[in-house]
C-alpha atoms as a PDB file:
ATOM      1  CA  MET A   1     122.495 125.579  46.203  1.00  0.00           C
ATOM      2  CA  VAL A   2     119.229 124.327  47.671  1.00  0.00           C
ATOM      3  CA  LYS A   3     119.076 123.978  51.441  1.00  0.00           C
ATOM      4  CA  PRO A   4     118.027 120.495  52.624  1.00  0.00           C
ATOM      5  CA  PHE A   5     114.781 119.957  54.480  1.00  0.00           C
ATOM      6  CA  ILE A   6     114.267 117.662  57.431  1.00  0.00           C
ATOM      7  CA  CYS A   7     111.368 115.269  56.936  1.00  0.00           C
ATOM      8  CA  ILE A   8     109.304 113.890  59.759  1.00  0.00           C
ATOM      9  CA  ALA A   9     106.583 111.301  59.128  1.00  0.00           C
ATOM     10  CA  MET A  10     103.561 111.552  61.372  1.00  0.00           C
ATOM     11  CA  ALA A  11     100.399 109.440  61.134  1.00  0.00           C
ATOM     12  CA  GLY A  12     100.367 109.119  57.353  1.00  0.00           C
ATOM     13  CA  CYS A  13     101.391 112.679  56.488  1.00  0.00           C
ATOM     14  CA  ILE A  14     104.838 114.093  55.960  1.00  0.00           C
ATOM     15  CA  LEU A  15     105.918 117.376  57.547  1.00  0.00           C
ATOM     16  CA  LEU A  16     108.893 119.232  56.103  1.00  0.00           C
ATOM     17  CA  PHE A  17     110.985 121.538  58.242  1.00  0.00           C
ATOM     18  CA  HIS A  18     113.790 123.747  57.058  1.00  0.00           C
ATOM     19  CA  PRO A  19     116.817 123.472  59.422  1.00  0.00           C
ATOM     20  CA  LEU A  20     116.907 127.248  59.940  1.00  0.00           C
ATOM     21  CA  ALA A  21     113.237 127.218  60.970  1.00  0.00           C
ATOM     22  CA  ILE A  22     113.981 124.517  63.535  1.00  0.00           C
ATOM     23  CA  GLN A  23     116.992 126.441  64.814  1.00  0.00           C
ATOM     24  CA  ALA A  24     114.963 129.667  65.078  1.00  0.00           C
ATOM     25  CA  HIS A  25     112.213 127.827  66.952  1.00  0.00           C
ATOM     26  CA  GLN A  26     114.725 126.428  69.440  1.00  0.00           C
ATOM     27  CA  HIS A  27     115.898 129.952  70.268  1.00  0.00           C
ATOM     28  CA  GLU A  28     112.347 130.903  71.221  1.00  0.00           C
ATOM     29  CA  ARG A  29     112.357 128.587  74.236  1.00  0.00           C
ATOM     30  CA  PRO A  30     112.264 130.527  77.484  1.00  0.00           C
ATOM     31  CA  LYS A  31     115.208 130.318  79.812  1.00  0.00           C
ATOM     32  CA  PRO A  32     114.630 128.211  82.924  1.00  0.00           C
ATOM     33  CA  ARG A  33     113.244 130.338  85.727  1.00  0.00           C
ATOM     34  CA  THR A  34     115.465 130.729  88.766  1.00  0.00           C
ATOM     35  CA  VAL A  35     114.730 131.971  92.264  1.00  0.00           C
ATOM     36  CA  THR A  36     116.153 135.450  92.815  1.00  0.00           C
ATOM     37  CA  GLY A  37     114.756 136.170  96.269  1.00  0.00           C
ATOM     38  CA  ILE A  38     113.366 134.305  99.267  1.00  0.00           C
ATOM     39  CA  GLN A  39     111.955 135.838 102.417  1.00  0.00           C
ATOM     40  CA  ILE A  40     110.777 133.755 105.359  1.00  0.00           C
ATOM     41  CA  THR A  41     108.288 135.504 107.624  1.00  0.00           C
ATOM     42  CA  GLU A  42     106.984 132.618 109.785  1.00  0.00           C
ATOM     43  CA  VAL A  43     108.364 129.190 110.770  1.00  0.00           C
ATOM     44  CA  GLY A  44     107.380 126.477 113.224  1.00  0.00           C
ATOM     45  CA  LYS A  45     103.671 127.279 113.109  1.00  0.00           C
ATOM     46  CA  SER A  46     100.712 124.903 113.366  1.00  0.00           C
ATOM     47  CA  ASP A  47      97.346 125.068 111.593  1.00  0.00           C
ATOM     48  CA  ASP A  48      95.777 123.656 114.756  1.00  0.00           C
ATOM     49  CA  ASP A  49      96.365 126.110 117.591  1.00  0.00           C
ATOM     50  CA  ASN A  50      94.160 124.028 119.907  1.00  0.00           C
ATOM     51  CA  ASP A  51      96.425 120.968 119.890  1.00  0.00           C
ATOM     52  CA  GLU A  52      99.343 121.687 122.217  1.00  0.00           C
ATOM     53  CA  LEU A  53     101.253 118.539 121.190  1.00  0.00           C
ATOM     54  CA  GLU A  54     101.077 119.473 117.484  1.00  0.00           C
ATOM     55  CA  LYS A  55     102.156 123.035 118.292  1.00  0.00           C
ATOM     56  CA  LYS A  56     105.133 121.627 120.197  1.00  0.00           C
ATOM     57  CA  TYR A  57     106.171 119.336 117.314  1.00  0.00           C
ATOM     58  CA  CYS A  58     105.659 122.024 114.684  1.00  0.00           C
ATOM     59  CA  LYS A  59     108.123 124.372 116.383  1.00  0.00           C
ATOM     60  CA  ALA A  60     110.843 122.084 114.949  1.00  0.00           C
ATOM     61  CA  PHE A  61     109.799 122.898 111.357  1.00  0.00           C
ATOM     62  CA  LYS A  62     112.184 125.704 110.424  1.00  0.00           C
ATOM     63  CA  PRO A  63     113.158 125.487 106.742  1.00  0.00           C
ATOM     64  CA  SER A  64     116.160 127.609 105.763  1.00  0.00           C
ATOM     65  CA  ARG A  65     116.266 130.019 102.819  1.00  0.00           C
ATOM     66  CA  SER A  66     118.333 127.520 100.821  1.00  0.00           C
ATOM     67  CA  GLU A  67     115.825 124.732 101.571  1.00  0.00           C
ATOM     68  CA  VAL A  68     112.908 126.928 100.458  1.00  0.00           C
ATOM     69  CA  LYS A  69     114.807 127.928  97.321  1.00  0.00           C
ATOM     70  CA  ARG A  70     115.477 124.252  96.572  1.00  0.00           C
ATOM     71  CA  PHE A  71     111.761 123.545  97.040  1.00  0.00           C
ATOM     72  CA  PHE A  72     110.777 126.107  94.409  1.00  0.00           C
ATOM     73  CA  LEU A  73     113.437 124.923  91.970  1.00  0.00           C
ATOM     74  CA  ASN A  74     112.280 121.278  92.232  1.00  0.00           C
ATOM     75  CA  ALA A  75     108.565 121.344  93.094  1.00  0.00           C
ATOM     76  CA  TYR A  76     105.881 120.449  90.595  1.00  0.00           C
ATOM     77  CA  ALA A  77     102.147 121.186  90.404  1.00  0.00           C
ATOM     78  CA  VAL A  78      99.770 118.817  92.200  1.00  0.00           C
ATOM     79  CA  PRO A  79      96.050 118.825  93.033  1.00  0.00           C
ATOM     80  CA  ALA A  80      95.116 120.692  96.224  1.00  0.00           C
ATOM     81  CA  LYS A  81      93.915 117.356  97.651  1.00  0.00           C
ATOM     82  CA  MET A  82      97.509 116.220  98.054  1.00  0.00           C
ATOM     83  CA  GLY A  83      98.306 118.795 100.732  1.00  0.00           C
ATOM     84  CA  ALA A  84      94.871 118.768 102.318  1.00  0.00           C
ATOM     85  CA  HIS A  85      94.529 114.996 102.559  1.00  0.00           C
ATOM     86  CA  ASP A  86      97.201 112.661 101.137  1.00  0.00           C
ATOM     87  CA  ARG A  87     100.227 114.280 102.796  1.00  0.00           C
ATOM     88  CA  TYR A  88      98.652 116.550 105.381  1.00  0.00           C
ATOM     89  CA  SER A  89     100.821 118.095 108.051  1.00  0.00           C
ATOM     90  CA  PRO A  90      99.670 120.906 110.348  1.00  0.00           C
ATOM     91  CA  CYS A  91     103.200 122.367 110.422  1.00  0.00           C
ATOM     92  CA  TYR A  92     103.895 125.305 108.147  1.00  0.00           C
ATOM     93  CA  ALA A  93     106.162 128.190 107.281  1.00  0.00           C
ATOM     94  CA  LYS A  94     105.314 131.308 105.267  1.00  0.00           C
ATOM     95  CA  GLY A  95     107.132 133.883 103.207  1.00  0.00           C
ATOM     96  CA  SER A  96     107.573 135.349  99.755  1.00  0.00           C
ATOM     97  CA  VAL A  97     109.505 134.423  96.624  1.00  0.00           C
ATOM     98  CA  GLU A  98     110.739 136.273  93.535  1.00  0.00           C
ATOM     99  CA  PHE A  99     111.750 134.646  90.258  1.00  0.00           C
ATOM    100  CA  SER A 100     114.113 135.664  87.463  1.00  0.00           C
ATOM    101  CA  ASP A 101     111.200 136.252  85.068  1.00  0.00           C
ATOM    102  CA  ASN A 102     109.930 139.081  87.324  1.00  0.00           C
ATOM    103  CA  THR A 103     107.115 137.001  88.806  1.00  0.00           C
ATOM    104  CA  ARG A 104     106.586 136.839  92.535  1.00  0.00           C
ATOM    105  CA  GLY A 105     104.218 135.689  95.196  1.00  0.00           C
ATOM    106  CA  LYS A 106     103.632 134.649  98.761  1.00  0.00           C
ATOM    107  CA  TRP A 107     103.984 131.026  99.840  1.00  0.00           C
ATOM    108  CA  LYS A 108     102.942 128.659 102.587  1.00  0.00           C
ATOM    109  CA  LEU A 109     104.957 125.439 102.908  1.00  0.00           C
ATOM    110  CA  SER A 110     103.932 122.376 104.855  1.00  0.00           C
ATOM    111  CA  SER A 111     106.543 120.198 106.541  1.00  0.00           C
ATOM    112  CA  SER A 112     105.263 117.310 104.347  1.00  0.00           C
ATOM    113  CA  GLY A 113     106.725 118.833 101.164  1.00  0.00           C
ATOM    114  CA  ASN A 114     103.505 120.465  99.988  1.00  0.00           C
ATOM    115  CA  GLY A 115     103.262 124.149  99.313  1.00  0.00           C
ATOM    116  CA  THR A 116     100.867 126.752  98.038  1.00  0.00           C
ATOM    117  CA  LEU A 117     102.085 129.677  95.970  1.00  0.00           C
ATOM    118  CA  PHE A 118      99.820 132.712  95.910  1.00  0.00           C
ATOM    119  CA  TRP A 119     100.970 134.632  92.834  1.00  0.00           C
ATOM    120  CA  ASP A 120     100.756 138.429  92.932  1.00  0.00           C
ATOM    121  CA  THR A 121      98.396 138.110  89.953  1.00  0.00           C
ATOM    122  CA  GLY A 122      95.819 136.356  92.132  1.00  0.00           C
ATOM    123  CA  ASP A 123      96.481 132.877  90.737  1.00  0.00           C
ATOM    124  CA  VAL A 124      97.198 129.989  93.104  1.00  0.00           C
ATOM    125  CA  ALA A 125      99.469 126.984  92.525  1.00  0.00           C
ATOM    126  CA  HIS A 126      99.644 123.862  94.682  1.00  0.00           C
ATOM    127  CA  LEU A 127     103.134 122.342  94.649  1.00  0.00           C
ATOM    128  CA  PHE A 128     104.960 119.292  95.955  1.00  0.00           C
ATOM    129  CA  HIS A 129     108.601 118.290  96.321  1.00  0.00           C
ATOM    130  CA  ARG A 130     109.331 114.871  97.824  1.00  0.00           C
ATOM    131  CA  GLY A 131     113.082 115.441  98.193  1.00  0.00           C
ATOM    132  CA  TYR A 132     112.899 118.102 100.883  1.00  0.00           C
ATOM    133  CA  ARG A 133     115.620 118.013 103.519  1.00  0.00           C
ATOM    134  CA  TRP A 134     114.146 120.092 106.311  1.00  0.00           C
ATOM    135  CA  ASN A 135     113.076 118.634 109.645  1.00  0.00           C
ATOM    136  CA  ASP A 136     109.579 117.178 109.247  1.00  0.00           C
ATOM    137  CA  PRO A 137     108.060 116.363 112.657  1.00  0.00           C
ATOM    138  CA  PHE A 138     105.501 114.089 110.967  1.00  0.00           C
ATOM    139  CA  ALA A 139     107.855 112.248 108.590  1.00  0.00           C
ATOM    140  CA  CYS A 140     106.925 108.601 107.998  1.00  0.00           C
ATOM    141  CA  THR A 141     103.243 109.229 108.809  1.00  0.00           C
ATOM    142  CA  TYR A 142     102.075 109.908 105.230  1.00  0.00           C
ATOM    143  CA  GLY A 143     100.604 107.350 102.896  1.00  0.00           C
ATOM    144  CA  PRO A 144      97.614 105.047 102.605  1.00  0.00           C
ATOM    145  CA  THR A 145      98.710 102.558 105.291  1.00  0.00           C
ATOM    146  CA  SER A 146      99.226 102.907 109.016  1.00  0.00           C
ATOM    147  CA  GLU A 147     102.948 102.215 108.485  1.00  0.00           C
ATOM    148  CA  GLY A 148     103.417 105.420 106.466  1.00  0.00           C
ATOM    149  CA  GLU A 149     106.037 106.244 103.839  1.00  0.00           C
ATOM    150  CA  CYS A 150     109.667 106.641 104.788  1.00  0.00           C
END
């Protein structure tokens, strides 16, 4: 008996795939990465030590381990400009993270939902997660208008 092929038409050419080849390819997909460890080393800090009011507000930024874990499970890559300009907040926390695929790094999270991950390999990733639930002292101040986003 001859096994059937699956045909897919693409831009004038026809590609033929054997069902077992498709099934084998699907098994090659990596498992979703999970967070296996979170350490928080600093919270409630401000990038501007000269502004006493900002330092006072930033003390309220204290993300929990579960909130940081949720950040890393839901954040996506963004340009560095987003954290440095579009959604800047002086408030930050720092720590380290380990993932199920044996990768790890140090992180710095901003109260605005931006973060930077400094991989142990030397690479750097800029991340953002809008759905954060921690206390953001500067919430509703981000965005292109004076009214801010809320």
